[in-house]
Amino acid sequence: MEQQKLRELLDTLHHELEQVASVDETTEVVLSNLRADMQRLLDEKADSTTHEDESLVERMNEALDHFETDHPKLSLTIQHILDSLAKMGF
């Protein structure tokens, strides 16, 4: 169930990322990392380790901080993803 919810949230995040119009260099890096992380999460064949999981959560938290002011809807979706990941043991 959590896996399906996570997929739905990642789809929502992907859609919202496409809506981000103003992109500075820092935002481009954050977006690039988020896209790569989303792909890894959606790829069921990926073998993750604890270190990768911690890095993923760290990057998601950094993205949350980065988008919090200018993109509150995007930040909310990222927070929901972080909550789902926590429930799944990440």
PDB file of N, CA and C in Angstrom:
ATOM      1  N   MET A   1       0.825  -1.200   0.000  1.00  0.00           N
ATOM      2  CA  MET A   1       0.000   0.000   0.000  1.00  0.00           C
ATOM      3  C   MET A   1       0.869   1.264   0.000  1.00  0.00           C
ATOM      4  N   GLU A   2       1.875   1.300   0.890  1.00  0.00           N
ATOM      5  CA  GLU A   2       2.758   2.476   0.934  1.00  0.00           C
ATOM      6  C   GLU A   2       3.500   2.641  -0.384  1.00  0.00           C
ATOM      7  N   GLN A   3       3.877   1.510  -0.997  1.00  0.00           N
ATOM      8  CA  GLN A   3       4.592   1.569  -2.274  1.00  0.00           C
ATOM      9  C   GLN A   3       3.718   2.247  -3.332  1.00  0.00           C
ATOM     10  N   GLN A   4       2.428   1.907  -3.372  1.00  0.00           N
ATOM     11  CA  GLN A   4       1.514   2.518  -4.346  1.00  0.00           C
ATOM     12  C   GLN A   4       1.331   4.008  -4.045  1.00  0.00           C
ATOM     13  N   LYS A   5       1.187   4.347  -2.785  1.00  0.00           N
ATOM     14  CA  LYS A   5       1.052   5.754  -2.404  1.00  0.00           C
ATOM     15  C   LYS A   5       2.303   6.531  -2.793  1.00  0.00           C
ATOM     16  N   LEU A   6       3.473   5.929  -2.570  1.00  0.00           N
ATOM     17  CA  LEU A   6       4.725   6.570  -2.934  1.00  0.00           C
ATOM     18  C   LEU A   6       4.778   6.809  -4.443  1.00  0.00           C
ATOM     19  N   ARG A   7       4.374   5.834  -5.223  1.00  0.00           N
ATOM     20  CA  ARG A   7       4.354   6.000  -6.682  1.00  0.00           C
ATOM     21  C   ARG A   7       3.443   7.156  -7.095  1.00  0.00           C
ATOM     22  N   GLU A   8       2.281   7.237  -6.473  1.00  0.00           N
ATOM     23  CA  GLU A   8       1.349   8.324  -6.781  1.00  0.00           C
ATOM     24  C   GLU A   8       1.958   9.685  -6.416  1.00  0.00           C
ATOM     25  N   LEU A   9       2.597   9.754  -5.259  1.00  0.00           N
ATOM     26  CA  LEU A   9       3.230  11.001  -4.840  1.00  0.00           C
ATOM     27  C   LEU A   9       4.385  11.372  -5.770  1.00  0.00           C
ATOM     28  N   LEU A  10       5.153  10.394  -6.197  1.00  0.00           N
ATOM     29  CA  LEU A  10       6.248  10.660  -7.119  1.00  0.00           C
ATOM     30  C   LEU A  10       5.731  11.143  -8.472  1.00  0.00           C
ATOM     31  N   ASP A  11       4.606  10.573  -8.911  1.00  0.00           N
ATOM     32  CA  ASP A  11       3.986  11.059 -10.145  1.00  0.00           C
ATOM     33  C   ASP A  11       3.542  12.511  -9.991  1.00  0.00           C
ATOM     34  N   THR A  12       2.946  12.821  -8.851  1.00  0.00           N
ATOM     35  CA  THR A  12       2.520  14.192  -8.565  1.00  0.00           C
ATOM     36  C   THR A  12       3.730  15.128  -8.537  1.00  0.00           C
ATOM     37  N   LEU A  13       4.797  14.687  -7.874  1.00  0.00           N
ATOM     38  CA  LEU A  13       6.005  15.500  -7.801  1.00  0.00           C
ATOM     39  C   LEU A  13       6.575  15.736  -9.196  1.00  0.00           C
ATOM     40  N   HIS A  14       6.606  14.702 -10.018  1.00  0.00           N
ATOM     41  CA  HIS A  14       7.108  14.839 -11.384  1.00  0.00           C
ATOM     42  C   HIS A  14       6.319  15.899 -12.139  1.00  0.00           C
ATOM     43  N   HIS A  15       5.003  15.854 -12.014  1.00  0.00           N
ATOM     44  CA  HIS A  15       4.152  16.837 -12.678  1.00  0.00           C
ATOM     45  C   HIS A  15       4.435  18.253 -12.156  1.00  0.00           C
ATOM     46  N   GLU A  16       4.571  18.390 -10.860  1.00  0.00           N
ATOM     47  CA  GLU A  16       4.830  19.703 -10.268  1.00  0.00           C
ATOM     48  C   GLU A  16       6.217  20.232 -10.634  1.00  0.00           C
ATOM     49  N   LEU A  17       7.188  19.339 -10.768  1.00  0.00           N
ATOM     50  CA  LEU A  17       8.525  19.761 -11.177  1.00  0.00           C
ATOM     51  C   LEU A  17       8.501  20.345 -12.582  1.00  0.00           C
ATOM     52  N   GLU A  18       7.642  19.818 -13.427  1.00  0.00           N
ATOM     53  CA  GLU A  18       7.524  20.339 -14.787  1.00  0.00           C
ATOM     54  C   GLU A  18       6.939  21.749 -14.800  1.00  0.00           C
ATOM     55  N   GLN A  19       6.247  22.128 -13.740  1.00  0.00           N
ATOM     56  CA  GLN A  19       5.608  23.437 -13.657  1.00  0.00           C
ATOM     57  C   GLN A  19       6.553  24.535 -13.163  1.00  0.00           C
ATOM     58  N   VAL A  20       7.720  24.149 -12.656  1.00  0.00           N
ATOM     59  CA  VAL A  20       8.672  25.136 -12.147  1.00  0.00           C
ATOM     60  C   VAL A  20       9.244  25.900 -13.332  1.00  0.00           C
ATOM     61  N   ALA A  21       8.951  27.201 -13.385  1.00  0.00           N
ATOM     62  CA  ALA A  21       9.342  28.021 -14.537  1.00  0.00           C
ATOM     63  C   ALA A  21      10.705  28.683 -14.356  1.00  0.00           C
ATOM     64  N   SER A  22      10.893  29.349 -13.235  1.00  0.00           N
ATOM     65  CA  SER A  22      12.147  30.073 -13.018  1.00  0.00           C
ATOM     66  C   SER A  22      13.186  29.126 -12.424  1.00  0.00           C
ATOM     67  N   VAL A  23      14.279  28.943 -13.154  1.00  0.00           N
ATOM     68  CA  VAL A  23      15.282  27.985 -12.723  1.00  0.00           C
ATOM     69  C   VAL A  23      16.661  28.647 -12.718  1.00  0.00           C
ATOM     70  N   ASP A  24      17.200  28.858 -11.512  1.00  0.00           N
ATOM     71  CA  ASP A  24      18.571  29.325 -11.402  1.00  0.00           C
ATOM     72  C   ASP A  24      19.482  28.093 -11.314  1.00  0.00           C
ATOM     73  N   GLU A  25      20.766  28.316 -11.205  1.00  0.00           N
ATOM     74  CA  GLU A  25      21.709  27.198 -11.207  1.00  0.00           C
ATOM     75  C   GLU A  25      21.481  26.245 -10.034  1.00  0.00           C
ATOM     76  N   THR A  26      21.244  26.781  -8.849  1.00  0.00           N
ATOM     77  CA  THR A  26      21.009  25.953  -7.671  1.00  0.00           C
ATOM     78  C   THR A  26      19.728  25.143  -7.826  1.00  0.00           C
ATOM     79  N   THR A  27      18.676  25.791  -8.318  1.00  0.00           N
ATOM     80  CA  THR A  27      17.408  25.101  -8.524  1.00  0.00           C
ATOM     81  C   THR A  27      17.562  23.992  -9.551  1.00  0.00           C
ATOM     82  N   GLU A  28      18.342  24.223 -10.586  1.00  0.00           N
ATOM     83  CA  GLU A  28      18.573  23.209 -11.609  1.00  0.00           C
ATOM     84  C   GLU A  28      19.238  21.974 -11.006  1.00  0.00           C
ATOM     85  N   VAL A  29      20.201  22.178 -10.112  1.00  0.00           N
ATOM     86  CA  VAL A  29      20.861  21.054  -9.447  1.00  0.00           C
ATOM     87  C   VAL A  29      19.863  20.301  -8.567  1.00  0.00           C
ATOM     88  N   VAL A  30      19.067  21.036  -7.810  1.00  0.00           N
ATOM     89  CA  VAL A  30      18.069  20.417  -6.934  1.00  0.00           C
ATOM     90  C   VAL A  30      17.070  19.617  -7.767  1.00  0.00           C
ATOM     91  N   LEU A  31      16.584  20.194  -8.860  1.00  0.00           N
ATOM     92  CA  LEU A  31      15.635  19.506  -9.732  1.00  0.00           C
ATOM     93  C   LEU A  31      16.254  18.247 -10.334  1.00  0.00           C
ATOM     94  N   SER A  32      17.483  18.355 -10.774  1.00  0.00           N
ATOM     95  CA  SER A  32      18.175  17.217 -11.361  1.00  0.00           C
ATOM     96  C   SER A  32      18.312  16.069 -10.355  1.00  0.00           C
ATOM     97  N   ASN A  33      18.690  16.414  -9.133  1.00  0.00           N
ATOM     98  CA  ASN A  33      18.805  15.397  -8.083  1.00  0.00           C
ATOM     99  C   ASN A  33      17.459  14.761  -7.768  1.00  0.00           C
ATOM    100  N   LEU A  34      16.413  15.578  -7.698  1.00  0.00           N
ATOM    101  CA  LEU A  34      15.080  15.046  -7.413  1.00  0.00           C
ATOM    102  C   LEU A  34      14.635  14.082  -8.512  1.00  0.00           C
ATOM    103  N   ARG A  35      14.863  14.463  -9.756  1.00  0.00           N
ATOM    104  CA  ARG A  35      14.468  13.589 -10.870  1.00  0.00           C
ATOM    105  C   ARG A  35      15.217  12.259 -10.802  1.00  0.00           C
ATOM    106  N   ALA A  36      16.510  12.320 -10.526  1.00  0.00           N
ATOM    107  CA  ALA A  36      17.301  11.088 -10.428  1.00  0.00           C
ATOM    108  C   ALA A  36      16.824  10.224  -9.262  1.00  0.00           C
ATOM    109  N   ASP A  37      16.532  10.858  -8.144  1.00  0.00           N
ATOM    110  CA  ASP A  37      16.036  10.117  -6.986  1.00  0.00           C
ATOM    111  C   ASP A  37      14.672   9.502  -7.260  1.00  0.00           C
ATOM    112  N   MET A  38      13.815  10.239  -7.931  1.00  0.00           N
ATOM    113  CA  MET A  38      12.490   9.710  -8.277  1.00  0.00           C
ATOM    114  C   MET A  38      12.643   8.480  -9.161  1.00  0.00           C
ATOM    115  N   GLN A  39      13.523   8.559 -10.140  1.00  0.00           N
ATOM    116  CA  GLN A  39      13.720   7.425 -11.039  1.00  0.00           C
ATOM    117  C   GLN A  39      14.219   6.209 -10.271  1.00  0.00           C
ATOM    118  N   ARG A  40      15.149   6.445  -9.351  1.00  0.00           N
ATOM    119  CA  ARG A  40      15.675   5.334  -8.559  1.00  0.00           C
ATOM    120  C   ARG A  40      14.579   4.707  -7.699  1.00  0.00           C
ATOM    121  N   LEU A  41      13.729   5.540  -7.113  1.00  0.00           N
ATOM    122  CA  LEU A  41      12.646   5.015  -6.284  1.00  0.00           C
ATOM    123  C   LEU A  41      11.630   4.235  -7.100  1.00  0.00           C
ATOM    124  N   LEU A  42      11.384   4.687  -8.312  1.00  0.00           N
ATOM    125  CA  LEU A  42      10.406   4.014  -9.163  1.00  0.00           C
ATOM    126  C   LEU A  42      10.958   2.745  -9.800  1.00  0.00           C
ATOM    127  N   ASP A  43      12.263   2.629  -9.851  1.00  0.00           N
ATOM    128  CA  ASP A  43      12.897   1.463 -10.448  1.00  0.00           C
ATOM    129  C   ASP A  43      12.936   0.344  -9.413  1.00  0.00           C
ATOM    130  N   GLU A  44      12.053  -0.605  -9.529  1.00  0.00           N
ATOM    131  CA  GLU A  44      11.956  -1.678  -8.542  1.00  0.00           C
ATOM    132  C   GLU A  44      13.179  -2.583  -8.535  1.00  0.00           C
ATOM    133  N   LYS A  45      13.990  -2.512  -9.567  1.00  0.00           N
ATOM    134  CA  LYS A  45      15.174  -3.367  -9.636  1.00  0.00           C
ATOM    135  C   LYS A  45      16.343  -2.766  -8.874  1.00  0.00           C
ATOM    136  N   ALA A  46      16.217  -1.503  -8.471  1.00  0.00           N
ATOM    137  CA  ALA A  46      17.341  -0.831  -7.795  1.00  0.00           C
ATOM    138  C   ALA A  46      17.574  -1.450  -6.424  1.00  0.00           C
ATOM    139  N   ASP A  47      18.814  -1.731  -6.138  1.00  0.00           N
ATOM    140  CA  ASP A  47      19.193  -2.231  -4.817  1.00  0.00           C
ATOM    141  C   ASP A  47      19.716  -1.054  -4.021  1.00  0.00           C
ATOM    142  N   SER A  48      19.005  -0.680  -2.977  1.00  0.00           N
ATOM    143  CA  SER A  48      19.452   0.458  -2.183  1.00  0.00           C
ATOM    144  C   SER A  48      20.128  -0.032  -0.914  1.00  0.00           C
ATOM    145  N   THR A  49      21.060   0.752  -0.460  1.00  0.00           N
ATOM    146  CA  THR A  49      21.727   0.456   0.799  1.00  0.00           C
ATOM    147  C   THR A  49      21.335   1.519   1.799  1.00  0.00           C
ATOM    148  N   THR A  50      21.657   1.298   3.033  1.00  0.00           N
ATOM    149  CA  THR A  50      21.320   2.271   4.071  1.00  0.00           C
ATOM    150  C   THR A  50      21.952   3.618   3.772  1.00  0.00           C
ATOM    151  N   HIS A  51      23.201   3.623   3.306  1.00  0.00           N
ATOM    152  CA  HIS A  51      23.882   4.882   2.989  1.00  0.00           C
ATOM    153  C   HIS A  51      23.134   5.626   1.879  1.00  0.00           C
ATOM    154  N   GLU A  52      22.704   4.906   0.839  1.00  0.00           N
ATOM    155  CA  GLU A  52      21.958   5.541  -0.241  1.00  0.00           C
ATOM    156  C   GLU A  52      20.625   6.081   0.269  1.00  0.00           C
ATOM    157  N   ASP A  53      19.978   5.336   1.148  1.00  0.00           N
ATOM    158  CA  ASP A  53      18.700   5.773   1.703  1.00  0.00           C
ATOM    159  C   ASP A  53      18.873   7.053   2.506  1.00  0.00           C
ATOM    160  N   GLU A  54      19.938   7.123   3.298  1.00  0.00           N
ATOM    161  CA  GLU A  54      20.194   8.327   4.093  1.00  0.00           C
ATOM    162  C   GLU A  54      20.479   9.515   3.177  1.00  0.00           C
ATOM    163  N   SER A  55      21.237   9.283   2.115  1.00  0.00           N
ATOM    164  CA  SER A  55      21.536  10.356   1.164  1.00  0.00           C
ATOM    165  C   SER A  55      20.266  10.826   0.469  1.00  0.00           C
ATOM    166  N   LEU A  56      19.414   9.887   0.125  1.00  0.00           N
ATOM    167  CA  LEU A  56      18.146  10.214  -0.522  1.00  0.00           C
ATOM    168  C   LEU A  56      17.301  11.106   0.383  1.00  0.00           C
ATOM    169  N   VAL A  57      17.159  10.717   1.620  1.00  0.00           N
ATOM    170  CA  VAL A  57      16.364  11.501   2.567  1.00  0.00           C
ATOM    171  C   VAL A  57      16.997  12.865   2.783  1.00  0.00           C
ATOM    172  N   GLU A  58      18.331  12.903   2.858  1.00  0.00           N
ATOM    173  CA  GLU A  58      19.036  14.180   2.997  1.00  0.00           C
ATOM    174  C   GLU A  58      18.741  15.102   1.813  1.00  0.00           C
ATOM    175  N   ARG A  59      18.851  14.563   0.595  1.00  0.00           N
ATOM    176  CA  ARG A  59      18.604  15.373  -0.606  1.00  0.00           C
ATOM    177  C   ARG A  59      17.145  15.829  -0.671  1.00  0.00           C
ATOM    178  N   MET A  60      16.232  14.961  -0.258  1.00  0.00           N
ATOM    179  CA  MET A  60      14.819  15.349  -0.254  1.00  0.00           C
ATOM    180  C   MET A  60      14.584  16.477   0.750  1.00  0.00           C
ATOM    181  N   ASN A  61      15.219  16.402   1.904  1.00  0.00           N
ATOM    182  CA  ASN A  61      15.091  17.474   2.900  1.00  0.00           C
ATOM    183  C   ASN A  61      15.692  18.776   2.392  1.00  0.00           C
ATOM    184  N   GLU A  62      16.824  18.685   1.694  1.00  0.00           N
ATOM    185  CA  GLU A  62      17.428  19.881   1.108  1.00  0.00           C
ATOM    186  C   GLU A  62      16.505  20.488   0.055  1.00  0.00           C
ATOM    187  N   ALA A  63      15.888  19.641  -0.754  1.00  0.00           N
ATOM    188  CA  ALA A  63      14.942  20.125  -1.770  1.00  0.00           C
ATOM    189  C   ALA A  63      13.746  20.784  -1.097  1.00  0.00           C
ATOM    190  N   LEU A  64      13.275  20.176  -0.023  1.00  0.00           N
ATOM    191  CA  LEU A  64      12.157  20.744   0.729  1.00  0.00           C
ATOM    192  C   LEU A  64      12.510  22.144   1.205  1.00  0.00           C
ATOM    193  N   ASP A  65      13.682  22.311   1.780  1.00  0.00           N
ATOM    194  CA  ASP A  65      14.121  23.629   2.239  1.00  0.00           C
ATOM    195  C   ASP A  65      14.257  24.608   1.078  1.00  0.00           C
ATOM    196  N   HIS A  66      14.779  24.136  -0.040  1.00  0.00           N
ATOM    197  CA  HIS A  66      15.009  25.002  -1.191  1.00  0.00           C
ATOM    198  C   HIS A  66      13.697  25.546  -1.776  1.00  0.00           C
ATOM    199  N   PHE A  67      12.685  24.698  -1.855  1.00  0.00           N
ATOM    200  CA  PHE A  67      11.437  25.090  -2.511  1.00  0.00           C
ATOM    201  C   PHE A  67      10.377  25.645  -1.569  1.00  0.00           C
ATOM    202  N   GLU A  68      10.629  25.588  -0.278  1.00  0.00           N
ATOM    203  CA  GLU A  68       9.622  25.948   0.722  1.00  0.00           C
ATOM    204  C   GLU A  68       8.997  27.326   0.512  1.00  0.00           C
ATOM    205  N   THR A  69       9.782  28.323   0.235  1.00  0.00           N
ATOM    206  CA  THR A  69       9.282  29.688   0.120  1.00  0.00           C
ATOM    207  C   THR A  69       8.589  29.965  -1.210  1.00  0.00           C
ATOM    208  N   ASP A  70       9.259  29.598  -2.307  1.00  0.00           N
ATOM    209  CA  ASP A  70       8.745  29.962  -3.628  1.00  0.00           C
ATOM    210  C   ASP A  70       7.778  28.952  -4.238  1.00  0.00           C
ATOM    211  N   HIS A  71       7.814  27.729  -3.763  1.00  0.00           N
ATOM    212  CA  HIS A  71       6.973  26.674  -4.340  1.00  0.00           C
ATOM    213  C   HIS A  71       6.350  25.836  -3.220  1.00  0.00           C
ATOM    214  N   PRO A  72       5.396  26.398  -2.490  1.00  0.00           N
ATOM    215  CA  PRO A  72       4.844  25.683  -1.332  1.00  0.00           C
ATOM    216  C   PRO A  72       4.141  24.376  -1.692  1.00  0.00           C
ATOM    217  N   LYS A  73       3.493  24.314  -2.844  1.00  0.00           N
ATOM    218  CA  LYS A  73       2.811  23.079  -3.241  1.00  0.00           C
ATOM    219  C   LYS A  73       3.825  21.968  -3.494  1.00  0.00           C
ATOM    220  N   LEU A  74       4.904  22.317  -4.135  1.00  0.00           N
ATOM    221  CA  LEU A  74       5.987  21.371  -4.387  1.00  0.00           C
ATOM    222  C   LEU A  74       6.589  20.898  -3.069  1.00  0.00           C
ATOM    223  N   SER A  75       6.799  21.814  -2.147  1.00  0.00           N
ATOM    224  CA  SER A  75       7.336  21.469  -0.825  1.00  0.00           C
ATOM    225  C   SER A  75       6.412  20.514  -0.082  1.00  0.00           C
ATOM    226  N   LEU A  76       5.124  20.743  -0.179  1.00  0.00           N
ATOM    227  CA  LEU A  76       4.158  19.879   0.487  1.00  0.00           C
ATOM    228  C   LEU A  76       4.224  18.457  -0.072  1.00  0.00           C
ATOM    229  N   THR A  77       4.339  18.341  -1.378  1.00  0.00           N
ATOM    230  CA  THR A  77       4.441  17.019  -1.998  1.00  0.00           C
ATOM    231  C   THR A  77       5.721  16.316  -1.557  1.00  0.00           C
ATOM    232  N   ILE A  78       6.828  17.062  -1.509  1.00  0.00           N
ATOM    233  CA  ILE A  78       8.091  16.482  -1.052  1.00  0.00           C
ATOM    234  C   ILE A  78       7.951  16.010   0.393  1.00  0.00           C
ATOM    235  N   GLN A  79       7.269  16.787   1.226  1.00  0.00           N
ATOM    236  CA  GLN A  79       7.060  16.389   2.621  1.00  0.00           C
ATOM    237  C   GLN A  79       6.241  15.106   2.706  1.00  0.00           C
ATOM    238  N   HIS A  80       5.222  14.972   1.873  1.00  0.00           N
ATOM    239  CA  HIS A  80       4.417  13.744   1.845  1.00  0.00           C
ATOM    240  C   HIS A  80       5.273  12.543   1.434  1.00  0.00           C
ATOM    241  N   ILE A  81       6.164  12.759   0.466  1.00  0.00           N
ATOM    242  CA  ILE A  81       7.062  11.683   0.043  1.00  0.00           C
ATOM    243  C   ILE A  81       7.987  11.285   1.189  1.00  0.00           C
ATOM    244  N   LEU A  82       8.532  12.274   1.882  1.00  0.00           N
ATOM    245  CA  LEU A  82       9.391  11.979   3.030  1.00  0.00           C
ATOM    246  C   LEU A  82       8.631  11.196   4.099  1.00  0.00           C
ATOM    247  N   ASP A  83       7.376  11.554   4.337  1.00  0.00           N
ATOM    248  CA  ASP A  83       6.546  10.828   5.302  1.00  0.00           C
ATOM    249  C   ASP A  83       6.348   9.377   4.864  1.00  0.00           C
ATOM    250  N   SER A  84       6.072   9.174   3.578  1.00  0.00           N
ATOM    251  CA  SER A  84       5.890   7.820   3.048  1.00  0.00           C
ATOM    252  C   SER A  84       7.173   7.014   3.167  1.00  0.00           C
ATOM    253  N   LEU A  85       8.296   7.635   2.843  1.00  0.00           N
ATOM    254  CA  LEU A  85       9.579   6.948   2.954  1.00  0.00           C
ATOM    255  C   LEU A  85       9.849   6.547   4.404  1.00  0.00           C
ATOM    256  N   ALA A  86       9.515   7.424   5.340  1.00  0.00           N
ATOM    257  CA  ALA A  86       9.708   7.109   6.771  1.00  0.00           C
ATOM    258  C   ALA A  86       8.863   5.903   7.167  1.00  0.00           C
ATOM    259  N   LYS A  87       7.641   5.836   6.671  1.00  0.00           N
ATOM    260  CA  LYS A  87       6.764   4.703   6.990  1.00  0.00           C
ATOM    261  C   LYS A  87       7.288   3.412   6.385  1.00  0.00           C
ATOM    262  N   MET A  88       8.040   3.532   5.285  1.00  0.00           N
ATOM    263  CA  MET A  88       8.589   2.349   4.620  1.00  0.00           C
ATOM    264  C   MET A  88       9.948   1.973   5.200  1.00  0.00           C
ATOM    265  N   GLY A  89      10.440   2.733   6.171  1.00  0.00           N
ATOM    266  CA  GLY A  89      11.683   2.392   6.839  1.00  0.00           C
ATOM    267  C   GLY A  89      12.923   3.029   6.266  1.00  0.00           C
ATOM    268  N   PHE A  90      12.770   4.078   5.457  1.00  0.00           N
ATOM    269  CA  PHE A  90      13.933   4.771   4.894  1.00  0.00           C
ATOM    270  C   PHE A  90      14.493   5.728   5.916  1.00  0.00           C
TER     271      PHE A  90
END
